[in-house]
Amino acid sequence: CTGCHGSPLTNNAPFELLTYAQVN
């Protein structure tokens, strides 16, 4: 997931999924 949902976001991903808080 973090290929797009990383920092920076790519491919129009709307949110990051890098931390527990973000995934939660």
PDBML (XML) file of the C-alpha atoms, coordinates in Angstrom:
<?xml version="1.0" encoding="UTF-8" ?>
<PDBx:datablock datablockName="MODEL"
   xmlns:PDBx="http://pdbml.pdb.org/schema/pdbx-v50.xsd"
   xmlns:xsi="http://www.w3.org/2001/XMLSchema-instance"
   xsi:schemaLocation="http://pdbml.pdb.org/schema/pdbx-v50.xsd pdbx-v50.xsd">
   <PDBx:atom_siteCategory>
      <PDBx:atom_site id="1">
         <PDBx:B_iso_or_equiv>0.00</PDBx:B_iso_or_equiv>
         <PDBx:Cartn_x>0.000</PDBx:Cartn_x>
         <PDBx:Cartn_y>0.000</PDBx:Cartn_y>
         <PDBx:Cartn_z>0.000</PDBx:Cartn_z>
         <PDBx:auth_asym_id>A</PDBx:auth_asym_id>
         <PDBx:auth_atom_id>CA</PDBx:auth_atom_id>
         <PDBx:auth_comp_id>CYS</PDBx:auth_comp_id>
         <PDBx:auth_seq_id>1</PDBx:auth_seq_id>
         <PDBx:group_PDB>ATOM</PDBx:group_PDB>
         <PDBx:label_alt_id xsi:nil="true" />
         <PDBx:label_asym_id>A</PDBx:label_asym_id>
         <PDBx:label_atom_id>CA</PDBx:label_atom_id>
         <PDBx:label_comp_id>CYS</PDBx:label_comp_id>
         <PDBx:label_entity_id>1</PDBx:label_entity_id>
         <PDBx:label_seq_id>1</PDBx:label_seq_id>
         <PDBx:occupancy>1.00</PDBx:occupancy>
         <PDBx:pdbx_PDB_model_num>1</PDBx:pdbx_PDB_model_num>
         <PDBx:type_symbol>C</PDBx:type_symbol>
      </PDBx:atom_site>
      <PDBx:atom_site id="2">
         <PDBx:B_iso_or_equiv>0.00</PDBx:B_iso_or_equiv>
         <PDBx:Cartn_x>2.658</PDBx:Cartn_x>
         <PDBx:Cartn_y>2.550</PDBx:Cartn_y>
         <PDBx:Cartn_z>0.881</PDBx:Cartn_z>
         <PDBx:auth_asym_id>A</PDBx:auth_asym_id>
         <PDBx:auth_atom_id>CA</PDBx:auth_atom_id>
         <PDBx:auth_comp_id>THR</PDBx:auth_comp_id>
         <PDBx:auth_seq_id>2</PDBx:auth_seq_id>
         <PDBx:group_PDB>ATOM</PDBx:group_PDB>
         <PDBx:label_alt_id xsi:nil="true" />
         <PDBx:label_asym_id>A</PDBx:label_asym_id>
         <PDBx:label_atom_id>CA</PDBx:label_atom_id>
         <PDBx:label_comp_id>THR</PDBx:label_comp_id>
         <PDBx:label_entity_id>1</PDBx:label_entity_id>
         <PDBx:label_seq_id>2</PDBx:label_seq_id>
         <PDBx:occupancy>1.00</PDBx:occupancy>
         <PDBx:pdbx_PDB_model_num>1</PDBx:pdbx_PDB_model_num>
         <PDBx:type_symbol>C</PDBx:type_symbol>
      </PDBx:atom_site>
      <PDBx:atom_site id="3">
         <PDBx:B_iso_or_equiv>0.00</PDBx:B_iso_or_equiv>
         <PDBx:Cartn_x>3.898</PDBx:Cartn_x>
         <PDBx:Cartn_y>2.807</PDBx:Cartn_y>
         <PDBx:Cartn_z>-2.694</PDBx:Cartn_z>
         <PDBx:auth_asym_id>A</PDBx:auth_asym_id>
         <PDBx:auth_atom_id>CA</PDBx:auth_atom_id>
         <PDBx:auth_comp_id>GLY</PDBx:auth_comp_id>
         <PDBx:auth_seq_id>3</PDBx:auth_seq_id>
         <PDBx:group_PDB>ATOM</PDBx:group_PDB>
         <PDBx:label_alt_id xsi:nil="true" />
         <PDBx:label_asym_id>A</PDBx:label_asym_id>
         <PDBx:label_atom_id>CA</PDBx:label_atom_id>
         <PDBx:label_comp_id>GLY</PDBx:label_comp_id>
         <PDBx:label_entity_id>1</PDBx:label_entity_id>
         <PDBx:label_seq_id>3</PDBx:label_seq_id>
         <PDBx:occupancy>1.00</PDBx:occupancy>
         <PDBx:pdbx_PDB_model_num>1</PDBx:pdbx_PDB_model_num>
         <PDBx:type_symbol>C</PDBx:type_symbol>
      </PDBx:atom_site>
      <PDBx:atom_site id="4">
         <PDBx:B_iso_or_equiv>0.00</PDBx:B_iso_or_equiv>
         <PDBx:Cartn_x>0.891</PDBx:Cartn_x>
         <PDBx:Cartn_y>5.091</PDBx:Cartn_y>
         <PDBx:Cartn_z>-3.252</PDBx:Cartn_z>
         <PDBx:auth_asym_id>A</PDBx:auth_asym_id>
         <PDBx:auth_atom_id>CA</PDBx:auth_atom_id>
         <PDBx:auth_comp_id>CYS</PDBx:auth_comp_id>
         <PDBx:auth_seq_id>4</PDBx:auth_seq_id>
         <PDBx:group_PDB>ATOM</PDBx:group_PDB>
         <PDBx:label_alt_id xsi:nil="true" />
         <PDBx:label_asym_id>A</PDBx:label_asym_id>
         <PDBx:label_atom_id>CA</PDBx:label_atom_id>
         <PDBx:label_comp_id>CYS</PDBx:label_comp_id>
         <PDBx:label_entity_id>1</PDBx:label_entity_id>
         <PDBx:label_seq_id>4</PDBx:label_seq_id>
         <PDBx:occupancy>1.00</PDBx:occupancy>
         <PDBx:pdbx_PDB_model_num>1</PDBx:pdbx_PDB_model_num>
         <PDBx:type_symbol>C</PDBx:type_symbol>
      </PDBx:atom_site>
      <PDBx:atom_site id="5">
         <PDBx:B_iso_or_equiv>0.00</PDBx:B_iso_or_equiv>
         <PDBx:Cartn_x>-0.241</PDBx:Cartn_x>
         <PDBx:Cartn_y>5.734</PDBx:Cartn_y>
         <PDBx:Cartn_z>0.343</PDBx:Cartn_z>
         <PDBx:auth_asym_id>A</PDBx:auth_asym_id>
         <PDBx:auth_atom_id>CA</PDBx:auth_atom_id>
         <PDBx:auth_comp_id>HIS</PDBx:auth_comp_id>
         <PDBx:auth_seq_id>5</PDBx:auth_seq_id>
         <PDBx:group_PDB>ATOM</PDBx:group_PDB>
         <PDBx:label_alt_id xsi:nil="true" />
         <PDBx:label_asym_id>A</PDBx:label_asym_id>
         <PDBx:label_atom_id>CA</PDBx:label_atom_id>
         <PDBx:label_comp_id>HIS</PDBx:label_comp_id>
         <PDBx:label_entity_id>1</PDBx:label_entity_id>
         <PDBx:label_seq_id>5</PDBx:label_seq_id>
         <PDBx:occupancy>1.00</PDBx:occupancy>
         <PDBx:pdbx_PDB_model_num>1</PDBx:pdbx_PDB_model_num>
         <PDBx:type_symbol>C</PDBx:type_symbol>
      </PDBx:atom_site>
      <PDBx:atom_site id="6">
         <PDBx:B_iso_or_equiv>0.00</PDBx:B_iso_or_equiv>
         <PDBx:Cartn_x>3.208</PDBx:Cartn_x>
         <PDBx:Cartn_y>6.910</PDBx:Cartn_y>
         <PDBx:Cartn_z>1.408</PDBx:Cartn_z>
         <PDBx:auth_asym_id>A</PDBx:auth_asym_id>
         <PDBx:auth_atom_id>CA</PDBx:auth_atom_id>
         <PDBx:auth_comp_id>GLY</PDBx:auth_comp_id>
         <PDBx:auth_seq_id>6</PDBx:auth_seq_id>
         <PDBx:group_PDB>ATOM</PDBx:group_PDB>
         <PDBx:label_alt_id xsi:nil="true" />
         <PDBx:label_asym_id>A</PDBx:label_asym_id>
         <PDBx:label_atom_id>CA</PDBx:label_atom_id>
         <PDBx:label_comp_id>GLY</PDBx:label_comp_id>
         <PDBx:label_entity_id>1</PDBx:label_entity_id>
         <PDBx:label_seq_id>6</PDBx:label_seq_id>
         <PDBx:occupancy>1.00</PDBx:occupancy>
         <PDBx:pdbx_PDB_model_num>1</PDBx:pdbx_PDB_model_num>
         <PDBx:type_symbol>C</PDBx:type_symbol>
      </PDBx:atom_site>
      <PDBx:atom_site id="7">
         <PDBx:B_iso_or_equiv>0.00</PDBx:B_iso_or_equiv>
         <PDBx:Cartn_x>4.917</PDBx:Cartn_x>
         <PDBx:Cartn_y>10.232</PDBx:Cartn_y>
         <PDBx:Cartn_z>1.655</PDBx:Cartn_z>
         <PDBx:auth_asym_id>A</PDBx:auth_asym_id>
         <PDBx:auth_atom_id>CA</PDBx:auth_atom_id>
         <PDBx:auth_comp_id>SER</PDBx:auth_comp_id>
         <PDBx:auth_seq_id>7</PDBx:auth_seq_id>
         <PDBx:group_PDB>ATOM</PDBx:group_PDB>
         <PDBx:label_alt_id xsi:nil="true" />
         <PDBx:label_asym_id>A</PDBx:label_asym_id>
         <PDBx:label_atom_id>CA</PDBx:label_atom_id>
         <PDBx:label_comp_id>SER</PDBx:label_comp_id>
         <PDBx:label_entity_id>1</PDBx:label_entity_id>
         <PDBx:label_seq_id>7</PDBx:label_seq_id>
         <PDBx:occupancy>1.00</PDBx:occupancy>
         <PDBx:pdbx_PDB_model_num>1</PDBx:pdbx_PDB_model_num>
         <PDBx:type_symbol>C</PDBx:type_symbol>
      </PDBx:atom_site>
      <PDBx:atom_site id="8">
         <PDBx:B_iso_or_equiv>0.00</PDBx:B_iso_or_equiv>
         <PDBx:Cartn_x>4.463</PDBx:Cartn_x>
         <PDBx:Cartn_y>11.842</PDBx:Cartn_y>
         <PDBx:Cartn_z>-0.745</PDBx:Cartn_z>
         <PDBx:auth_asym_id>A</PDBx:auth_asym_id>
         <PDBx:auth_atom_id>CA</PDBx:auth_atom_id>
         <PDBx:auth_comp_id>PRO</PDBx:auth_comp_id>
         <PDBx:auth_seq_id>8</PDBx:auth_seq_id>
         <PDBx:group_PDB>ATOM</PDBx:group_PDB>
         <PDBx:label_alt_id xsi:nil="true" />
         <PDBx:label_asym_id>A</PDBx:label_asym_id>
         <PDBx:label_atom_id>CA</PDBx:label_atom_id>
         <PDBx:label_comp_id>PRO</PDBx:label_comp_id>
         <PDBx:label_entity_id>1</PDBx:label_entity_id>
         <PDBx:label_seq_id>8</PDBx:label_seq_id>
         <PDBx:occupancy>1.00</PDBx:occupancy>
         <PDBx:pdbx_PDB_model_num>1</PDBx:pdbx_PDB_model_num>
         <PDBx:type_symbol>C</PDBx:type_symbol>
      </PDBx:atom_site>
      <PDBx:atom_site id="9">
         <PDBx:B_iso_or_equiv>0.00</PDBx:B_iso_or_equiv>
         <PDBx:Cartn_x>1.110</PDBx:Cartn_x>
         <PDBx:Cartn_y>10.459</PDBx:Cartn_y>
         <PDBx:Cartn_z>-1.835</PDBx:Cartn_z>
         <PDBx:auth_asym_id>A</PDBx:auth_asym_id>
         <PDBx:auth_atom_id>CA</PDBx:auth_atom_id>
         <PDBx:auth_comp_id>LEU</PDBx:auth_comp_id>
         <PDBx:auth_seq_id>9</PDBx:auth_seq_id>
         <PDBx:group_PDB>ATOM</PDBx:group_PDB>
         <PDBx:label_alt_id xsi:nil="true" />
         <PDBx:label_asym_id>A</PDBx:label_asym_id>
         <PDBx:label_atom_id>CA</PDBx:label_atom_id>
         <PDBx:label_comp_id>LEU</PDBx:label_comp_id>
         <PDBx:label_entity_id>1</PDBx:label_entity_id>
         <PDBx:label_seq_id>9</PDBx:label_seq_id>
         <PDBx:occupancy>1.00</PDBx:occupancy>
         <PDBx:pdbx_PDB_model_num>1</PDBx:pdbx_PDB_model_num>
         <PDBx:type_symbol>C</PDBx:type_symbol>
      </PDBx:atom_site>
      <PDBx:atom_site id="10">
         <PDBx:B_iso_or_equiv>0.00</PDBx:B_iso_or_equiv>
         <PDBx:Cartn_x>1.081</PDBx:Cartn_x>
         <PDBx:Cartn_y>9.180</PDBx:Cartn_y>
         <PDBx:Cartn_z>-5.417</PDBx:Cartn_z>
         <PDBx:auth_asym_id>A</PDBx:auth_asym_id>
         <PDBx:auth_atom_id>CA</PDBx:auth_atom_id>
         <PDBx:auth_comp_id>THR</PDBx:auth_comp_id>
         <PDBx:auth_seq_id>10</PDBx:auth_seq_id>
         <PDBx:group_PDB>ATOM</PDBx:group_PDB>
         <PDBx:label_alt_id xsi:nil="true" />
         <PDBx:label_asym_id>A</PDBx:label_asym_id>
         <PDBx:label_atom_id>CA</PDBx:label_atom_id>
         <PDBx:label_comp_id>THR</PDBx:label_comp_id>
         <PDBx:label_entity_id>1</PDBx:label_entity_id>
         <PDBx:label_seq_id>10</PDBx:label_seq_id>
         <PDBx:occupancy>1.00</PDBx:occupancy>
         <PDBx:pdbx_PDB_model_num>1</PDBx:pdbx_PDB_model_num>
         <PDBx:type_symbol>C</PDBx:type_symbol>
      </PDBx:atom_site>
      <PDBx:atom_site id="11">
         <PDBx:B_iso_or_equiv>0.00</PDBx:B_iso_or_equiv>
         <PDBx:Cartn_x>-1.507</PDBx:Cartn_x>
         <PDBx:Cartn_y>7.973</PDBx:Cartn_y>
         <PDBx:Cartn_z>-7.957</PDBx:Cartn_z>
         <PDBx:auth_asym_id>A</PDBx:auth_asym_id>
         <PDBx:auth_atom_id>CA</PDBx:auth_atom_id>
         <PDBx:auth_comp_id>ASN</PDBx:auth_comp_id>
         <PDBx:auth_seq_id>11</PDBx:auth_seq_id>
         <PDBx:group_PDB>ATOM</PDBx:group_PDB>
         <PDBx:label_alt_id xsi:nil="true" />
         <PDBx:label_asym_id>A</PDBx:label_asym_id>
         <PDBx:label_atom_id>CA</PDBx:label_atom_id>
         <PDBx:label_comp_id>ASN</PDBx:label_comp_id>
         <PDBx:label_entity_id>1</PDBx:label_entity_id>
         <PDBx:label_seq_id>11</PDBx:label_seq_id>
         <PDBx:occupancy>1.00</PDBx:occupancy>
         <PDBx:pdbx_PDB_model_num>1</PDBx:pdbx_PDB_model_num>
         <PDBx:type_symbol>C</PDBx:type_symbol>
      </PDBx:atom_site>
      <PDBx:atom_site id="12">
         <PDBx:B_iso_or_equiv>0.00</PDBx:B_iso_or_equiv>
         <PDBx:Cartn_x>-4.236</PDBx:Cartn_x>
         <PDBx:Cartn_y>10.116</PDBx:Cartn_y>
         <PDBx:Cartn_z>-6.364</PDBx:Cartn_z>
         <PDBx:auth_asym_id>A</PDBx:auth_asym_id>
         <PDBx:auth_atom_id>CA</PDBx:auth_atom_id>
         <PDBx:auth_comp_id>ASN</PDBx:auth_comp_id>
         <PDBx:auth_seq_id>12</PDBx:auth_seq_id>
         <PDBx:group_PDB>ATOM</PDBx:group_PDB>
         <PDBx:label_alt_id xsi:nil="true" />
         <PDBx:label_asym_id>A</PDBx:label_asym_id>
         <PDBx:label_atom_id>CA</PDBx:label_atom_id>
         <PDBx:label_comp_id>ASN</PDBx:label_comp_id>
         <PDBx:label_entity_id>1</PDBx:label_entity_id>
         <PDBx:label_seq_id>12</PDBx:label_seq_id>
         <PDBx:occupancy>1.00</PDBx:occupancy>
         <PDBx:pdbx_PDB_model_num>1</PDBx:pdbx_PDB_model_num>
         <PDBx:type_symbol>C</PDBx:type_symbol>
      </PDBx:atom_site>
      <PDBx:atom_site id="13">
         <PDBx:B_iso_or_equiv>0.00</PDBx:B_iso_or_equiv>
         <PDBx:Cartn_x>-4.115</PDBx:Cartn_x>
         <PDBx:Cartn_y>8.230</PDBx:Cartn_y>
         <PDBx:Cartn_z>-3.047</PDBx:Cartn_z>
         <PDBx:auth_asym_id>A</PDBx:auth_asym_id>
         <PDBx:auth_atom_id>CA</PDBx:auth_atom_id>
         <PDBx:auth_comp_id>ALA</PDBx:auth_comp_id>
         <PDBx:auth_seq_id>13</PDBx:auth_seq_id>
         <PDBx:group_PDB>ATOM</PDBx:group_PDB>
         <PDBx:label_alt_id xsi:nil="true" />
         <PDBx:label_asym_id>A</PDBx:label_asym_id>
         <PDBx:label_atom_id>CA</PDBx:label_atom_id>
         <PDBx:label_comp_id>ALA</PDBx:label_comp_id>
         <PDBx:label_entity_id>1</PDBx:label_entity_id>
         <PDBx:label_seq_id>13</PDBx:label_seq_id>
         <PDBx:occupancy>1.00</PDBx:occupancy>
         <PDBx:pdbx_PDB_model_num>1</PDBx:pdbx_PDB_model_num>
         <PDBx:type_symbol>C</PDBx:type_symbol>
      </PDBx:atom_site>
      <PDBx:atom_site id="14">
         <PDBx:B_iso_or_equiv>0.00</PDBx:B_iso_or_equiv>
         <PDBx:Cartn_x>-6.232</PDBx:Cartn_x>
         <PDBx:Cartn_y>10.274</PDBx:Cartn_y>
         <PDBx:Cartn_z>-0.609</PDBx:Cartn_z>
         <PDBx:auth_asym_id>A</PDBx:auth_asym_id>
         <PDBx:auth_atom_id>CA</PDBx:auth_atom_id>
         <PDBx:auth_comp_id>PRO</PDBx:auth_comp_id>
         <PDBx:auth_seq_id>14</PDBx:auth_seq_id>
         <PDBx:group_PDB>ATOM</PDBx:group_PDB>
         <PDBx:label_alt_id xsi:nil="true" />
         <PDBx:label_asym_id>A</PDBx:label_asym_id>
         <PDBx:label_atom_id>CA</PDBx:label_atom_id>
         <PDBx:label_comp_id>PRO</PDBx:label_comp_id>
         <PDBx:label_entity_id>1</PDBx:label_entity_id>
         <PDBx:label_seq_id>14</PDBx:label_seq_id>
         <PDBx:occupancy>1.00</PDBx:occupancy>
         <PDBx:pdbx_PDB_model_num>1</PDBx:pdbx_PDB_model_num>
         <PDBx:type_symbol>C</PDBx:type_symbol>
      </PDBx:atom_site>
      <PDBx:atom_site id="15">
         <PDBx:B_iso_or_equiv>0.00</PDBx:B_iso_or_equiv>
         <PDBx:Cartn_x>-4.395</PDBx:Cartn_x>
         <PDBx:Cartn_y>9.445</PDBx:Cartn_y>
         <PDBx:Cartn_z>2.641</PDBx:Cartn_z>
         <PDBx:auth_asym_id>A</PDBx:auth_asym_id>
         <PDBx:auth_atom_id>CA</PDBx:auth_atom_id>
         <PDBx:auth_comp_id>PHE</PDBx:auth_comp_id>
         <PDBx:auth_seq_id>15</PDBx:auth_seq_id>
         <PDBx:group_PDB>ATOM</PDBx:group_PDB>
         <PDBx:label_alt_id xsi:nil="true" />
         <PDBx:label_asym_id>A</PDBx:label_asym_id>
         <PDBx:label_atom_id>CA</PDBx:label_atom_id>
         <PDBx:label_comp_id>PHE</PDBx:label_comp_id>
         <PDBx:label_entity_id>1</PDBx:label_entity_id>
         <PDBx:label_seq_id>15</PDBx:label_seq_id>
         <PDBx:occupancy>1.00</PDBx:occupancy>
         <PDBx:pdbx_PDB_model_num>1</PDBx:pdbx_PDB_model_num>
         <PDBx:type_symbol>C</PDBx:type_symbol>
      </PDBx:atom_site>
      <PDBx:atom_site id="16">
         <PDBx:B_iso_or_equiv>0.00</PDBx:B_iso_or_equiv>
         <PDBx:Cartn_x>-1.115</PDBx:Cartn_x>
         <PDBx:Cartn_y>8.074</PDBx:Cartn_y>
         <PDBx:Cartn_z>4.011</PDBx:Cartn_z>
         <PDBx:auth_asym_id>A</PDBx:auth_asym_id>
         <PDBx:auth_atom_id>CA</PDBx:auth_atom_id>
         <PDBx:auth_comp_id>GLU</PDBx:auth_comp_id>
         <PDBx:auth_seq_id>16</PDBx:auth_seq_id>
         <PDBx:group_PDB>ATOM</PDBx:group_PDB>
         <PDBx:label_alt_id xsi:nil="true" />
         <PDBx:label_asym_id>A</PDBx:label_asym_id>
         <PDBx:label_atom_id>CA</PDBx:label_atom_id>
         <PDBx:label_comp_id>GLU</PDBx:label_comp_id>
         <PDBx:label_entity_id>1</PDBx:label_entity_id>
         <PDBx:label_seq_id>16</PDBx:label_seq_id>
         <PDBx:occupancy>1.00</PDBx:occupancy>
         <PDBx:pdbx_PDB_model_num>1</PDBx:pdbx_PDB_model_num>
         <PDBx:type_symbol>C</PDBx:type_symbol>
      </PDBx:atom_site>
      <PDBx:atom_site id="17">
         <PDBx:B_iso_or_equiv>0.00</PDBx:B_iso_or_equiv>
         <PDBx:Cartn_x>-0.860</PDBx:Cartn_x>
         <PDBx:Cartn_y>4.623</PDBx:Cartn_y>
         <PDBx:Cartn_z>5.606</PDBx:Cartn_z>
         <PDBx:auth_asym_id>A</PDBx:auth_asym_id>
         <PDBx:auth_atom_id>CA</PDBx:auth_atom_id>
         <PDBx:auth_comp_id>LEU</PDBx:auth_comp_id>
         <PDBx:auth_seq_id>17</PDBx:auth_seq_id>
         <PDBx:group_PDB>ATOM</PDBx:group_PDB>
         <PDBx:label_alt_id xsi:nil="true" />
         <PDBx:label_asym_id>A</PDBx:label_asym_id>
         <PDBx:label_atom_id>CA</PDBx:label_atom_id>
         <PDBx:label_comp_id>LEU</PDBx:label_comp_id>
         <PDBx:label_entity_id>1</PDBx:label_entity_id>
         <PDBx:label_seq_id>17</PDBx:label_seq_id>
         <PDBx:occupancy>1.00</PDBx:occupancy>
         <PDBx:pdbx_PDB_model_num>1</PDBx:pdbx_PDB_model_num>
         <PDBx:type_symbol>C</PDBx:type_symbol>
      </PDBx:atom_site>
      <PDBx:atom_site id="18">
         <PDBx:B_iso_or_equiv>0.00</PDBx:B_iso_or_equiv>
         <PDBx:Cartn_x>2.532</PDBx:Cartn_x>
         <PDBx:Cartn_y>4.985</PDBx:Cartn_y>
         <PDBx:Cartn_z>7.271</PDBx:Cartn_z>
         <PDBx:auth_asym_id>A</PDBx:auth_asym_id>
         <PDBx:auth_atom_id>CA</PDBx:auth_atom_id>
         <PDBx:auth_comp_id>LEU</PDBx:auth_comp_id>
         <PDBx:auth_seq_id>18</PDBx:auth_seq_id>
         <PDBx:group_PDB>ATOM</PDBx:group_PDB>
         <PDBx:label_alt_id xsi:nil="true" />
         <PDBx:label_asym_id>A</PDBx:label_asym_id>
         <PDBx:label_atom_id>CA</PDBx:label_atom_id>
         <PDBx:label_comp_id>LEU</PDBx:label_comp_id>
         <PDBx:label_entity_id>1</PDBx:label_entity_id>
         <PDBx:label_seq_id>18</PDBx:label_seq_id>
         <PDBx:occupancy>1.00</PDBx:occupancy>
         <PDBx:pdbx_PDB_model_num>1</PDBx:pdbx_PDB_model_num>
         <PDBx:type_symbol>C</PDBx:type_symbol>
      </PDBx:atom_site>
      <PDBx:atom_site id="19">
         <PDBx:B_iso_or_equiv>0.00</PDBx:B_iso_or_equiv>
         <PDBx:Cartn_x>1.727</PDBx:Cartn_x>
         <PDBx:Cartn_y>4.995</PDBx:Cartn_y>
         <PDBx:Cartn_z>10.972</PDBx:Cartn_z>
         <PDBx:auth_asym_id>A</PDBx:auth_asym_id>
         <PDBx:auth_atom_id>CA</PDBx:auth_atom_id>
         <PDBx:auth_comp_id>THR</PDBx:auth_comp_id>
         <PDBx:auth_seq_id>19</PDBx:auth_seq_id>
         <PDBx:group_PDB>ATOM</PDBx:group_PDB>
         <PDBx:label_alt_id xsi:nil="true" />
         <PDBx:label_asym_id>A</PDBx:label_asym_id>
         <PDBx:label_atom_id>CA</PDBx:label_atom_id>
         <PDBx:label_comp_id>THR</PDBx:label_comp_id>
         <PDBx:label_entity_id>1</PDBx:label_entity_id>
         <PDBx:label_seq_id>19</PDBx:label_seq_id>
         <PDBx:occupancy>1.00</PDBx:occupancy>
         <PDBx:pdbx_PDB_model_num>1</PDBx:pdbx_PDB_model_num>
         <PDBx:type_symbol>C</PDBx:type_symbol>
      </PDBx:atom_site>
      <PDBx:atom_site id="20">
         <PDBx:B_iso_or_equiv>0.00</PDBx:B_iso_or_equiv>
         <PDBx:Cartn_x>-0.465</PDBx:Cartn_x>
         <PDBx:Cartn_y>3.033</PDBx:Cartn_y>
         <PDBx:Cartn_z>13.334</PDBx:Cartn_z>
         <PDBx:auth_asym_id>A</PDBx:auth_asym_id>
         <PDBx:auth_atom_id>CA</PDBx:auth_atom_id>
         <PDBx:auth_comp_id>TYR</PDBx:auth_comp_id>
         <PDBx:auth_seq_id>20</PDBx:auth_seq_id>
         <PDBx:group_PDB>ATOM</PDBx:group_PDB>
         <PDBx:label_alt_id xsi:nil="true" />
         <PDBx:label_asym_id>A</PDBx:label_asym_id>
         <PDBx:label_atom_id>CA</PDBx:label_atom_id>
         <PDBx:label_comp_id>TYR</PDBx:label_comp_id>
         <PDBx:label_entity_id>1</PDBx:label_entity_id>
         <PDBx:label_seq_id>20</PDBx:label_seq_id>
         <PDBx:occupancy>1.00</PDBx:occupancy>
         <PDBx:pdbx_PDB_model_num>1</PDBx:pdbx_PDB_model_num>
         <PDBx:type_symbol>C</PDBx:type_symbol>
      </PDBx:atom_site>
      <PDBx:atom_site id="21">
         <PDBx:B_iso_or_equiv>0.00</PDBx:B_iso_or_equiv>
         <PDBx:Cartn_x>-2.632</PDBx:Cartn_x>
         <PDBx:Cartn_y>6.131</PDBx:Cartn_y>
         <PDBx:Cartn_z>13.905</PDBx:Cartn_z>
         <PDBx:auth_asym_id>A</PDBx:auth_asym_id>
         <PDBx:auth_atom_id>CA</PDBx:auth_atom_id>
         <PDBx:auth_comp_id>ALA</PDBx:auth_comp_id>
         <PDBx:auth_seq_id>21</PDBx:auth_seq_id>
         <PDBx:group_PDB>ATOM</PDBx:group_PDB>
         <PDBx:label_alt_id xsi:nil="true" />
         <PDBx:label_asym_id>A</PDBx:label_asym_id>
         <PDBx:label_atom_id>CA</PDBx:label_atom_id>
         <PDBx:label_comp_id>ALA</PDBx:label_comp_id>
         <PDBx:label_entity_id>1</PDBx:label_entity_id>
         <PDBx:label_seq_id>21</PDBx:label_seq_id>
         <PDBx:occupancy>1.00</PDBx:occupancy>
         <PDBx:pdbx_PDB_model_num>1</PDBx:pdbx_PDB_model_num>
         <PDBx:type_symbol>C</PDBx:type_symbol>
      </PDBx:atom_site>
      <PDBx:atom_site id="22">
         <PDBx:B_iso_or_equiv>0.00</PDBx:B_iso_or_equiv>
         <PDBx:Cartn_x>-3.210</PDBx:Cartn_x>
         <PDBx:Cartn_y>6.613</PDBx:Cartn_y>
         <PDBx:Cartn_z>10.176</PDBx:Cartn_z>
         <PDBx:auth_asym_id>A</PDBx:auth_asym_id>
         <PDBx:auth_atom_id>CA</PDBx:auth_atom_id>
         <PDBx:auth_comp_id>GLN</PDBx:auth_comp_id>
         <PDBx:auth_seq_id>22</PDBx:auth_seq_id>
         <PDBx:group_PDB>ATOM</PDBx:group_PDB>
         <PDBx:label_alt_id xsi:nil="true" />
         <PDBx:label_asym_id>A</PDBx:label_asym_id>
         <PDBx:label_atom_id>CA</PDBx:label_atom_id>
         <PDBx:label_comp_id>GLN</PDBx:label_comp_id>
         <PDBx:label_entity_id>1</PDBx:label_entity_id>
         <PDBx:label_seq_id>22</PDBx:label_seq_id>
         <PDBx:occupancy>1.00</PDBx:occupancy>
         <PDBx:pdbx_PDB_model_num>1</PDBx:pdbx_PDB_model_num>
         <PDBx:type_symbol>C</PDBx:type_symbol>
      </PDBx:atom_site>
      <PDBx:atom_site id="23">
         <PDBx:B_iso_or_equiv>0.00</PDBx:B_iso_or_equiv>
         <PDBx:Cartn_x>-4.034</PDBx:Cartn_x>
         <PDBx:Cartn_y>2.932</PDBx:Cartn_y>
         <PDBx:Cartn_z>9.599</PDBx:Cartn_z>
         <PDBx:auth_asym_id>A</PDBx:auth_asym_id>
         <PDBx:auth_atom_id>CA</PDBx:auth_atom_id>
         <PDBx:auth_comp_id>VAL</PDBx:auth_comp_id>
         <PDBx:auth_seq_id>23</PDBx:auth_seq_id>
         <PDBx:group_PDB>ATOM</PDBx:group_PDB>
         <PDBx:label_alt_id xsi:nil="true" />
         <PDBx:label_asym_id>A</PDBx:label_asym_id>
         <PDBx:label_atom_id>CA</PDBx:label_atom_id>
         <PDBx:label_comp_id>VAL</PDBx:label_comp_id>
         <PDBx:label_entity_id>1</PDBx:label_entity_id>
         <PDBx:label_seq_id>23</PDBx:label_seq_id>
         <PDBx:occupancy>1.00</PDBx:occupancy>
         <PDBx:pdbx_PDB_model_num>1</PDBx:pdbx_PDB_model_num>
         <PDBx:type_symbol>C</PDBx:type_symbol>
      </PDBx:atom_site>
      <PDBx:atom_site id="24">
         <PDBx:B_iso_or_equiv>0.00</PDBx:B_iso_or_equiv>
         <PDBx:Cartn_x>-6.245</PDBx:Cartn_x>
         <PDBx:Cartn_y>2.769</PDBx:Cartn_y>
         <PDBx:Cartn_z>12.679</PDBx:Cartn_z>
         <PDBx:auth_asym_id>A</PDBx:auth_asym_id>
         <PDBx:auth_atom_id>CA</PDBx:auth_atom_id>
         <PDBx:auth_comp_id>ASN</PDBx:auth_comp_id>
         <PDBx:auth_seq_id>24</PDBx:auth_seq_id>
         <PDBx:group_PDB>ATOM</PDBx:group_PDB>
         <PDBx:label_alt_id xsi:nil="true" />
         <PDBx:label_asym_id>A</PDBx:label_asym_id>
         <PDBx:label_atom_id>CA</PDBx:label_atom_id>
         <PDBx:label_comp_id>ASN</PDBx:label_comp_id>
         <PDBx:label_entity_id>1</PDBx:label_entity_id>
         <PDBx:label_seq_id>24</PDBx:label_seq_id>
         <PDBx:occupancy>1.00</PDBx:occupancy>
         <PDBx:pdbx_PDB_model_num>1</PDBx:pdbx_PDB_model_num>
         <PDBx:type_symbol>C</PDBx:type_symbol>
      </PDBx:atom_site>
   </PDBx:atom_siteCategory>
</PDBx:datablock>
